[in-house]
N, C-alpha and C. Protein backbone atom coordinates (compact mmCIF):
# COMPACT_ATOMS: atom_id res chain seq x y z
N MET A 1 112.10 75.33 67.01
CA MET A 1 112.02 74.87 68.47
C MET A 1 111.12 75.55 69.06
N ALA A 2 110.05 75.42 69.86
CA ALA A 2 109.24 75.79 71.32
C ALA A 2 110.06 76.72 72.14
N LEU A 3 109.24 77.83 72.78
CA LEU A 3 109.75 78.28 73.63
C LEU A 3 109.57 77.40 74.69
N GLY A 4 110.34 77.34 75.92
CA GLY A 4 110.18 76.43 77.01
C GLY A 4 109.60 77.42 77.88
N LYS A 5 109.04 76.64 79.27
CA LYS A 5 108.35 77.52 80.12
C LYS A 5 108.63 77.54 81.21
N ASP A 6 110.07 77.11 81.40
CA ASP A 6 110.68 77.73 82.44
C ASP A 6 111.86 78.13 82.22
N TYR A 7 112.70 78.05 83.69
CA TYR A 7 114.60 78.63 83.28
C TYR A 7 115.29 76.91 83.76
N ALA A 8 114.75 76.19 83.56
CA ALA A 8 115.61 74.96 84.08
C ALA A 8 116.90 75.08 83.90
N THR A 9 117.71 75.29 82.72
CA THR A 9 118.79 75.17 82.77
C THR A 9 119.47 76.38 82.89
N GLN A 10 119.21 77.73 83.37
CA GLN A 10 119.47 78.88 83.75
C GLN A 10 119.99 78.62 85.57
N GLU A 11 121.15 79.06 85.67
CA GLU A 11 121.71 78.90 86.87
C GLU A 11 121.93 80.71 87.37
N CYS A 12 120.63 80.96 87.40
CA CYS A 12 120.60 82.62 88.06
C CYS A 12 119.49 82.97 88.79
N SER A 13 119.31 83.93 89.65
CA SER A 13 118.55 84.19 90.87
C SER A 13 117.68 85.10 90.14
N ILE A 14 118.06 85.70 88.73
CA ILE A 14 116.84 86.43 88.13
C ILE A 14 116.19 85.36 87.61
N ALA A 15 116.55 84.59 86.98
CA ALA A 15 115.88 83.48 86.25
C ALA A 15 115.07 82.63 87.34
N ARG A 16 115.29 82.46 88.49
CA ARG A 16 114.45 81.86 89.50
C ARG A 16 113.69 82.84 90.03
N ALA A 17 113.39 83.86 89.82
CA ALA A 17 112.57 84.92 90.21
C ALA A 17 111.91 84.84 89.05
N LEU A 18 112.01 85.28 87.69
CA LEU A 18 111.05 85.16 86.69
C LEU A 18 110.40 83.87 86.53
N GLU A 19 110.27 83.00 87.40
CA GLU A 19 109.78 81.76 87.16
C GLU A 19 108.40 81.78 88.21
N ILE A 20 108.93 82.70 88.97
CA ILE A 20 107.19 83.45 89.84
C ILE A 20 106.70 84.53 89.27
N VAL A 21 107.30 85.62 88.75
CA VAL A 21 106.63 86.73 88.86
C VAL A 21 106.90 87.39 87.45
N GLY A 22 107.74 86.74 86.50
CA GLY A 22 107.77 87.09 84.95
C GLY A 22 106.74 86.67 84.05
N GLU A 23 105.86 86.35 84.48
CA GLU A 23 104.34 86.46 83.26
C GLU A 23 104.16 87.88 83.51
N ARG A 24 103.57 87.64 82.27
CA ARG A 24 102.85 89.39 81.75
C ARG A 24 102.09 90.24 82.57
N TRP A 25 100.98 89.81 83.55
CA TRP A 25 100.51 90.39 84.23
C TRP A 25 100.62 89.95 85.87
N THR A 26 101.67 89.36 86.09
CA THR A 26 102.14 88.87 87.65
C THR A 26 102.28 90.32 88.34
N LEU A 27 103.18 90.83 88.08
CA LEU A 27 103.97 92.27 88.56
C LEU A 27 102.83 93.02 88.50
N LEU A 28 101.84 93.23 87.66
CA LEU A 28 100.82 94.38 87.82
C LEU A 28 99.97 93.93 88.79
N VAL A 29 99.37 92.75 88.98
CA VAL A 29 98.79 92.28 90.47
C VAL A 29 99.47 92.89 91.25
N VAL A 30 100.73 92.22 91.76
CA VAL A 30 101.41 92.63 92.95
C VAL A 30 101.22 94.37 92.85
N ARG A 31 101.64 94.69 91.84
CA ARG A 31 101.35 96.39 92.34
C ARG A 31 100.31 97.19 92.41
N ASP A 32 99.15 96.41 91.74
CA ASP A 32 97.97 96.64 92.50
C ASP A 32 97.78 96.38 94.47
N ALA A 33 98.16 95.23 94.36
CA ALA A 33 98.13 94.67 95.93
C ALA A 33 98.64 95.66 97.02
N LEU A 34 100.53 96.22 96.47
CA LEU A 34 100.69 97.27 96.99
C LEU A 34 99.94 98.59 97.47
N TYR A 35 99.21 99.13 95.75
CA TYR A 35 98.52 99.91 95.95
C TYR A 35 97.10 99.92 96.74
N GLY A 36 96.80 98.82 97.76
CA GLY A 36 95.69 98.20 98.21
C GLY A 36 94.42 97.62 98.04
N ILE A 37 94.85 97.26 96.74
CA ILE A 37 93.39 96.57 95.76
C ILE A 37 93.76 95.20 96.59
N ARG A 38 92.63 94.60 97.15
CA ARG A 38 92.27 93.09 97.37
C ARG A 38 91.74 92.24 97.03
N ARG A 39 90.43 92.58 96.74
CA ARG A 39 89.65 91.99 95.81
C ARG A 39 89.49 91.24 94.73
N TYR A 40 89.23 90.04 94.07
CA TYR A 40 89.03 89.78 92.90
C TYR A 40 88.58 90.43 92.02
N ASN A 41 87.59 90.98 91.79
CA ASN A 41 86.61 91.68 90.96
C ASN A 41 87.63 92.85 91.13
N ASP A 42 87.96 93.42 91.66
CA ASP A 42 88.99 94.66 92.02
C ASP A 42 89.73 94.75 91.04
N PHE A 43 90.79 93.88 91.35
CA PHE A 43 92.15 93.52 90.09
C PHE A 43 91.56 93.10 88.88
N LEU A 44 90.33 92.72 88.48
CA LEU A 44 89.76 92.35 87.46
C LEU A 44 89.31 93.73 86.84
N VAL A 45 88.58 94.79 87.49
CA VAL A 45 87.99 95.74 87.18
C VAL A 45 89.36 97.09 86.20
N HIS A 46 90.39 96.86 87.69
CA HIS A 46 91.50 97.84 87.35
C HIS A 46 92.44 97.47 86.02
N LEU A 47 92.86 95.95 85.75
CA LEU A 47 93.52 95.39 85.06
C LEU A 47 93.25 95.04 83.94
N GLY A 48 91.87 94.70 83.86
CA GLY A 48 91.27 94.18 83.03
C GLY A 48 91.92 92.84 81.99
N ALA A 49 92.79 91.97 82.71
CA ALA A 49 92.87 90.83 82.40
C ALA A 49 91.91 89.74 82.51
N PRO A 50 92.16 88.77 81.13
CA PRO A 50 91.17 87.87 81.50
C PRO A 50 90.66 87.22 82.74
N ARG A 51 89.43 86.51 83.10
CA ARG A 51 89.75 86.02 84.33
C ARG A 51 90.31 84.81 84.47
N ALA A 52 90.71 83.92 83.64
CA ALA A 52 91.43 82.72 83.90
C ALA A 52 92.32 82.86 84.05
N VAL A 53 93.21 84.53 83.25
CA VAL A 53 94.77 84.98 83.11
C VAL A 53 94.55 85.34 85.12
N LEU A 54 93.89 85.99 85.26
CA LEU A 54 94.01 86.61 86.74
C LEU A 54 94.07 85.43 87.89
N ALA A 55 92.81 84.64 87.62
CA ALA A 55 92.66 83.48 89.01
C ALA A 55 94.33 82.85 88.74
N ALA A 56 94.77 82.75 87.78
CA ALA A 56 95.93 81.87 87.82
C ALA A 56 97.04 81.96 88.74
N ARG A 57 97.13 83.69 88.27
CA ARG A 57 98.19 84.36 89.05
C ARG A 57 98.06 84.81 90.37
N LEU A 58 97.09 84.88 90.63
CA LEU A 58 96.82 84.94 92.11
C LEU A 58 97.06 83.86 92.79
N GLN A 59 96.19 82.59 92.25
CA GLN A 59 96.89 81.47 92.75
C GLN A 59 98.56 81.04 92.58
N THR A 60 99.15 81.46 91.81
CA THR A 60 100.89 81.15 91.96
C THR A 60 100.81 82.08 92.83
N LEU A 61 100.49 83.79 93.23
CA LEU A 61 101.18 84.44 94.02
C LEU A 61 100.83 83.87 95.63
N THR A 62 99.69 83.25 95.54
CA THR A 62 99.25 82.68 96.76
C THR A 62 100.40 81.34 97.03
N SER A 63 100.30 80.68 96.25
CA SER A 63 101.18 79.41 96.70
C SER A 63 102.75 79.76 96.72
N GLU A 64 102.91 80.81 96.26
CA GLU A 64 104.59 81.62 96.20
C GLU A 64 104.79 82.07 97.95
N GLY A 65 103.53 82.37 98.48
CA GLY A 65 103.88 83.34 99.66
C GLY A 65 103.99 84.98 99.33
N ILE A 66 103.30 85.30 97.95
CA ILE A 66 103.79 86.75 97.92
C ILE A 66 102.45 87.74 98.26
N LEU A 67 101.48 86.84 98.35
CA LEU A 67 99.79 87.13 98.35
C LEU A 67 99.39 86.03 99.41
N GLU A 68 98.51 86.71 100.26
CA GLU A 68 97.79 85.61 101.57
C GLU A 68 96.32 85.96 101.07
N LYS A 69 95.70 84.80 100.99
CA LYS A 69 94.26 84.45 101.07
C LYS A 69 93.51 84.67 102.43
N ARG A 70 92.90 85.59 102.28
CA ARG A 70 92.46 85.85 103.69
C ARG A 70 90.25 86.17 103.58
N ARG A 71 89.56 85.25 104.16
CA ARG A 71 88.31 85.46 104.37
C ARG A 71 87.85 86.69 104.61
N TYR A 72 87.10 87.31 103.89
CA TYR A 72 86.60 88.63 104.78
C TYR A 72 84.88 88.69 104.75
N GLN A 73 84.21 87.57 104.34
CA GLN A 73 83.01 87.24 104.61
C GLN A 73 82.95 85.94 104.27
N GLU A 74 81.24 85.58 105.34
CA GLU A 74 81.16 84.13 105.28
C GLU A 74 79.93 83.51 104.07
N SER A 75 79.09 84.55 104.15
CA SER A 75 78.21 84.09 103.75
C SER A 75 77.36 84.92 102.59
N PRO A 76 78.20 84.99 101.45
CA PRO A 76 78.80 84.05 100.55
C PRO A 76 80.20 83.99 100.71
N PRO A 77 80.68 82.95 100.84
CA PRO A 77 81.89 82.88 101.07
C PRO A 77 82.91 83.60 100.16
N ARG A 78 83.36 84.65 101.00
CA ARG A 78 84.81 85.72 99.59
C ARG A 78 85.45 86.13 100.47
N ASP A 79 86.93 85.82 99.28
CA ASP A 79 88.31 86.33 100.17
C ASP A 79 88.81 87.32 99.50
N GLU A 80 89.61 87.42 100.12
CA GLU A 80 90.76 88.89 99.95
C GLU A 80 92.15 88.40 99.89
N TYR A 81 92.63 89.25 98.83
CA TYR A 81 94.31 88.76 99.07
C TYR A 81 95.31 90.13 99.31
N VAL A 82 95.84 89.60 100.29
CA VAL A 82 96.69 90.94 101.08
C VAL A 82 98.11 90.32 100.77
N VAL A 83 99.16 91.41 100.89
CA VAL A 83 100.68 91.52 100.42
C VAL A 83 100.95 91.03 101.55
N THR A 84 101.93 89.92 101.73
CA THR A 84 103.06 89.30 102.85
C THR A 84 104.41 90.05 102.49
N GLU A 85 104.94 89.70 103.77
CA GLU A 85 106.56 90.56 103.74
C GLU A 85 107.18 90.16 102.29
N ARG A 86 106.70 89.01 101.97
CA ARG A 86 107.57 88.15 100.38
C ARG A 86 107.37 89.20 99.39
N GLY A 87 106.08 89.59 99.29
CA GLY A 87 105.37 90.31 98.29
C GLY A 87 106.01 92.15 98.78
N ILE A 88 105.77 92.48 99.66
CA ILE A 88 106.31 93.72 99.99
C ILE A 88 107.96 93.62 99.21
N ALA A 89 109.06 92.71 99.48
CA ALA A 89 109.89 92.86 99.25
C ALA A 89 110.17 93.07 97.79
N LEU A 90 109.00 93.18 97.12
CA LEU A 90 108.72 93.30 95.51
C LEU A 90 109.23 94.72 94.67
N TRP A 91 108.66 95.45 95.96
CA TRP A 91 108.92 97.32 95.91
C TRP A 91 109.40 97.76 95.10
N PRO A 92 110.45 97.78 95.60
CA PRO A 92 112.06 98.52 94.83
C PRO A 92 112.18 98.12 93.63
N ALA A 93 112.07 96.45 93.28
CA ALA A 93 111.91 96.57 92.03
C ALA A 93 110.63 96.97 91.05
N LEU A 94 109.21 97.13 91.91
CA LEU A 94 108.33 97.87 90.96
C LEU A 94 108.90 99.31 90.91
N ARG A 95 108.96 99.75 91.79
CA ARG A 95 109.69 101.07 92.10
C ARG A 95 110.71 101.67 90.86
N ALA A 96 111.28 100.73 90.51
CA ALA A 96 112.53 100.62 89.69
C ALA A 96 112.19 100.34 88.12
N LEU A 97 111.02 99.39 88.23
CA LEU A 97 110.92 99.03 86.68
C LEU A 97 109.73 100.69 86.24
N GLY A 98 109.27 100.95 86.98
CA GLY A 98 108.46 102.67 86.74
C GLY A 98 109.15 103.20 86.26
N LEU A 99 110.27 103.66 87.46
CA LEU A 99 111.03 104.79 87.04
C LEU A 99 112.16 104.24 86.06
N TRP A 100 112.29 103.09 85.39
CA TRP A 100 112.82 102.94 84.24
C TRP A 100 111.80 103.46 83.04
N GLY A 101 110.56 102.81 83.04
CA GLY A 101 109.14 103.04 82.00
C GLY A 101 109.36 104.50 82.08
N ARG A 102 108.94 105.09 82.59
CA ARG A 102 108.86 106.49 82.25
C ARG A 102 110.03 107.27 81.86
N GLU A 103 111.20 106.88 82.49
CA GLU A 103 112.46 107.43 81.94
C GLU A 103 112.77 107.32 80.29
N HIS A 104 112.72 106.02 80.46
CA HIS A 104 112.86 105.58 78.28
C HIS A 104 111.57 105.44 77.41
N PHE A 105 110.46 105.86 78.20
CA PHE A 105 109.52 106.10 77.44
C PHE A 105 108.70 107.38 77.29
N GLY A 106 109.22 108.33 77.92
CA GLY A 106 108.46 109.77 78.17
C GLY A 106 107.53 109.66 78.76
N GLU A 107 106.77 108.78 79.34
CA GLU A 107 105.87 108.68 79.98
C GLU A 107 105.65 110.02 81.15
N GLU A 108 104.43 110.82 81.27
CA GLU A 108 103.88 111.82 82.19
C GLU A 108 104.05 111.07 83.38
N GLN A 109 104.19 111.72 84.09
CA GLN A 109 104.37 111.11 86.17
C GLN A 109 102.95 110.99 85.94
N LEU A 110 102.51 109.35 86.56
CA LEU A 110 101.46 108.83 86.95
C LEU A 110 101.14 109.27 88.35
N ARG A 111 102.05 108.87 89.41
CA ARG A 111 102.11 108.83 90.34
C ARG A 111 103.15 109.63 91.40
N PHE A 112 103.03 110.01 92.37
CA PHE A 112 103.96 110.82 93.45
C PHE A 112 104.13 109.29 94.29
N PHE A 113 105.48 109.21 95.08
CA PHE A 113 105.60 108.46 95.97
C PHE A 113 106.27 109.07 97.25
N ARG A 114 105.58 109.22 98.10
CA ARG A 114 106.02 110.33 99.15
C ARG A 114 106.01 109.96 100.71
N HIS A 115 107.13 110.29 101.64
CA HIS A 115 107.13 109.83 102.62
C HIS A 115 106.09 110.53 103.42
N ALA A 116 105.50 109.23 104.25
CA ALA A 116 104.27 109.47 105.31
C ALA A 116 104.70 110.69 105.99
N ASP A 117 106.00 110.88 106.79
CA ASP A 117 106.68 111.78 107.95
C ASP A 117 106.90 112.88 108.13
N CYS A 118 107.12 113.28 106.30
CA CYS A 118 107.73 114.57 105.76
C CYS A 118 107.10 114.82 104.40
N GLY A 119 106.55 114.16 103.89
CA GLY A 119 106.14 114.35 102.60
C GLY A 119 106.74 114.45 101.51
N THR A 120 107.96 114.25 101.69
CA THR A 120 109.00 114.58 100.50
C THR A 120 108.91 113.39 99.45
N GLU A 121 109.14 113.65 98.54
CA GLU A 121 109.05 112.83 97.37
C GLU A 121 110.34 111.99 97.42
N LEU A 122 109.92 110.36 97.29
CA LEU A 122 110.94 109.82 97.49
C LEU A 122 112.27 109.51 96.36
N GLY A 123 113.10 109.08 96.51
CA GLY A 123 114.25 109.20 95.65
C GLY A 123 114.41 108.00 94.89
N SER A 124 114.87 107.66 93.98
CA SER A 124 115.00 106.55 92.91
C SER A 124 115.22 105.38 93.70
N TYR A 125 115.76 105.39 94.63
CA TYR A 125 116.02 103.95 95.25
C TYR A 125 114.91 103.86 96.73
N GLY A 126 113.48 104.40 96.72
CA GLY A 126 112.66 104.17 98.13
C GLY A 126 113.68 105.17 99.01
N GLU A 127 114.49 106.06 98.84
CA GLU A 127 114.58 106.93 100.32
C GLU A 127 114.53 108.55 100.10
N CYS A 128 114.11 108.66 101.23
CA CYS A 128 113.56 110.17 101.58
C CYS A 128 114.69 110.89 101.69
N PRO A 129 115.07 111.95 100.70
CA PRO A 129 115.82 112.99 100.78
C PRO A 129 116.11 113.67 101.73
N ALA A 130 115.17 114.05 102.52
CA ALA A 130 114.76 114.93 103.65
C ALA A 130 115.31 114.22 104.62
N CYS A 131 115.13 112.86 104.80
CA CYS A 131 115.37 112.40 106.18
C CYS A 131 116.85 111.31 106.04
N GLY A 132 116.77 111.03 105.12
CA GLY A 132 118.14 110.50 104.52
C GLY A 132 118.22 109.18 104.78
N THR A 133 116.79 108.40 104.71
CA THR A 133 116.58 107.36 105.31
C THR A 133 115.59 106.05 103.83
N VAL A 134 115.81 105.01 104.35
CA VAL A 134 115.12 104.17 103.01
C VAL A 134 113.29 103.98 104.05
N VAL A 135 112.34 104.27 103.15
CA VAL A 135 111.32 104.34 103.83
C VAL A 135 110.39 103.19 103.50
N PRO A 136 110.39 102.65 104.60
CA PRO A 136 109.41 101.64 104.46
C PRO A 136 108.18 101.34 103.77
N VAL A 137 107.69 100.46 103.32
CA VAL A 137 106.36 100.51 102.02
C VAL A 137 105.34 101.15 103.20
N ARG A 138 105.30 100.91 104.37
CA ARG A 138 104.03 101.06 105.54
C ARG A 138 103.83 102.89 105.09
N ASP A 139 105.05 103.51 104.81
CA ASP A 139 105.31 104.83 105.39
C ASP A 139 105.42 105.51 104.14
N VAL A 140 104.87 104.72 102.76
CA VAL A 140 105.02 105.35 101.67
C VAL A 140 103.82 106.12 101.34
N ILE A 141 103.37 107.29 101.22
CA ILE A 141 101.94 108.01 100.42
C ILE A 141 102.09 107.56 98.58
N MET A 142 100.87 107.70 98.02
CA MET A 142 100.92 107.43 97.02
C MET A 142 100.00 108.53 96.52
N VAL A 143 100.70 109.45 95.57
CA VAL A 143 99.78 110.77 95.15
C VAL A 143 99.20 110.92 93.98
N PRO A 144 98.57 111.16 93.07
CA PRO A 144 98.01 111.10 92.08
C PRO A 144 98.89 112.15 91.12
N GLY A 145 99.33 111.96 90.08
CA GLY A 145 100.30 112.73 88.99
C GLY A 145 99.32 113.47 88.02
N PRO A 146 100.24 114.01 87.56
CA PRO A 146 99.46 114.97 86.18
C PRO A 146 99.20 113.92 85.03
N GLY A 147 99.99 112.96 85.04
CA GLY A 147 99.19 111.74 83.93
C GLY A 147 98.47 110.98 83.78
N LEU A 148 97.54 110.62 85.30
CA LEU A 148 96.61 110.11 85.13
C LEU A 148 95.18 110.78 84.93
N ASP A 149 94.35 110.44 83.89
CA ASP A 149 93.52 110.16 83.75
C ASP A 149 92.53 110.97 84.66
N PRO A 150 91.87 111.96 85.11
CA PRO A 150 91.22 112.81 85.94
C PRO A 150 89.70 111.99 86.11
N HIS A 151 89.46 111.52 85.19
CA HIS A 151 88.14 111.11 85.16
C HIS A 151 87.73 109.65 84.49
N PRO A 152 88.27 108.55 85.29
CA PRO A 152 88.38 107.43 84.75
C PRO A 152 87.23 106.78 84.64
N ALA A 153 86.94 105.99 84.18
CA ALA A 153 85.55 104.80 84.29
C ALA A 153 85.19 103.90 85.09
N ASP A 154 85.90 103.89 85.63
CA ASP A 154 85.98 102.27 86.38
C ASP A 154 86.45 102.65 88.04
N PRO A 155 85.56 102.31 88.88
CA PRO A 155 85.66 102.74 90.24
C PRO A 155 87.02 102.89 90.94
N VAL A 156 87.59 101.20 90.46
CA VAL A 156 88.82 101.23 91.28
C VAL A 156 89.44 102.28 90.72
N SER A 157 89.99 102.67 89.94
CA SER A 157 90.64 103.90 89.07
C SER A 157 90.39 104.96 90.16
N ARG A 158 88.81 105.64 89.93
CA ARG A 158 88.52 106.88 90.88
C ARG A 158 88.70 106.72 91.94
N ALA A 159 89.17 105.43 92.68
CA ALA A 159 89.49 105.30 94.28
C ALA A 159 90.69 105.65 94.33
N LEU A 160 91.64 105.14 93.15
CA LEU A 160 93.46 105.47 93.15
C LEU A 160 93.55 107.00 92.88
N LEU A 161 92.59 107.74 92.58
CA LEU A 161 93.01 109.19 92.88
C LEU A 161 93.08 110.09 93.94
N ARG A 162 92.99 109.36 94.75
CA ARG A 162 92.86 109.99 96.36
C ARG A 162 94.24 110.07 97.00
N PRO A 163 95.22 110.79 97.25
CA PRO A 163 96.24 110.30 98.42
C PRO A 163 96.14 109.12 99.32
N LYS A 164 96.92 108.14 99.29
CA LYS A 164 96.81 106.77 100.24
C LYS A 164 97.99 106.40 100.44
N ARG A 165 98.02 105.78 101.54
CA ARG A 165 99.37 104.82 101.93
C ARG A 165 99.09 103.53 101.29
N LEU A 166 100.37 103.09 100.97
CA LEU A 166 100.34 101.86 100.56
C LEU A 166 100.09 100.89 101.42
N LEU A 167 99.95 99.72 100.87
CA LEU A 167 99.23 98.77 102.26
C LEU A 167 98.02 98.78 102.12
N GLN A 168 97.60 99.81 102.79
CA GLN A 168 95.89 100.21 103.44
C GLN A 168 94.99 99.88 102.15
N PRO A 169 93.97 98.91 102.82
CA PRO A 169 93.06 98.73 101.76
C PRO A 169 92.37 99.66 101.15
N LEU A 170 91.94 99.66 99.67
CA LEU A 170 91.59 100.30 99.20
C LEU A 170 90.27 100.86 99.39
N GLN A 171 89.56 101.79 99.72
CA GLN A 171 87.95 101.96 99.76
C GLN A 171 87.77 102.63 98.41
N ILE A 172 86.56 101.56 98.28
CA ILE A 172 86.10 102.17 96.77
C ILE A 172 84.50 102.63 96.88
N ASP A 173 83.97 104.23 96.65
CA ASP A 173 82.99 104.32 96.97
C ASP A 173 82.57 103.48 95.76
N PRO A 174 80.89 103.07 96.53
CA PRO A 174 80.04 102.37 96.00
C PRO A 174 79.27 102.99 94.45
N ALA A 175 79.19 102.61 93.23
CA ALA A 175 78.78 103.67 91.87
C ALA A 175 77.61 103.62 92.13
């Protein structure tokens, strides 16, 4: 029997969410968008996803209101993908999934996420232990950890070696 393409028989909010974000590359696209990656070619270089797959994921995320397509150049026309509030709401799930992966697969820490106001590393639930508050995504600084390759081949990964606020557009140096 062939595996179905949806969860129509499931009465479950997790199943409904998986209809949108459950495909292999989708959460990685959202992760990169939260990191500030906005342009198709930058997603392509950083993720290594097949072009057709990336285009389909961006289309789905845009049609579902998780990303918004914005024109940044008229001639030739070029668009970028910006995370919406609906997409930002996926941050706790992505953070939890990353922590779970590191804990259960023994991965060396790739990135630290810190509260911009005080520099304290976030707790497991996105809270600042020093301030006692849950830190909004816009107030999170991502800092490279010891598990990242210090000399990556692609310009997007090199740009992600610099500390930066989440959601801020990634500044990529011309290669």
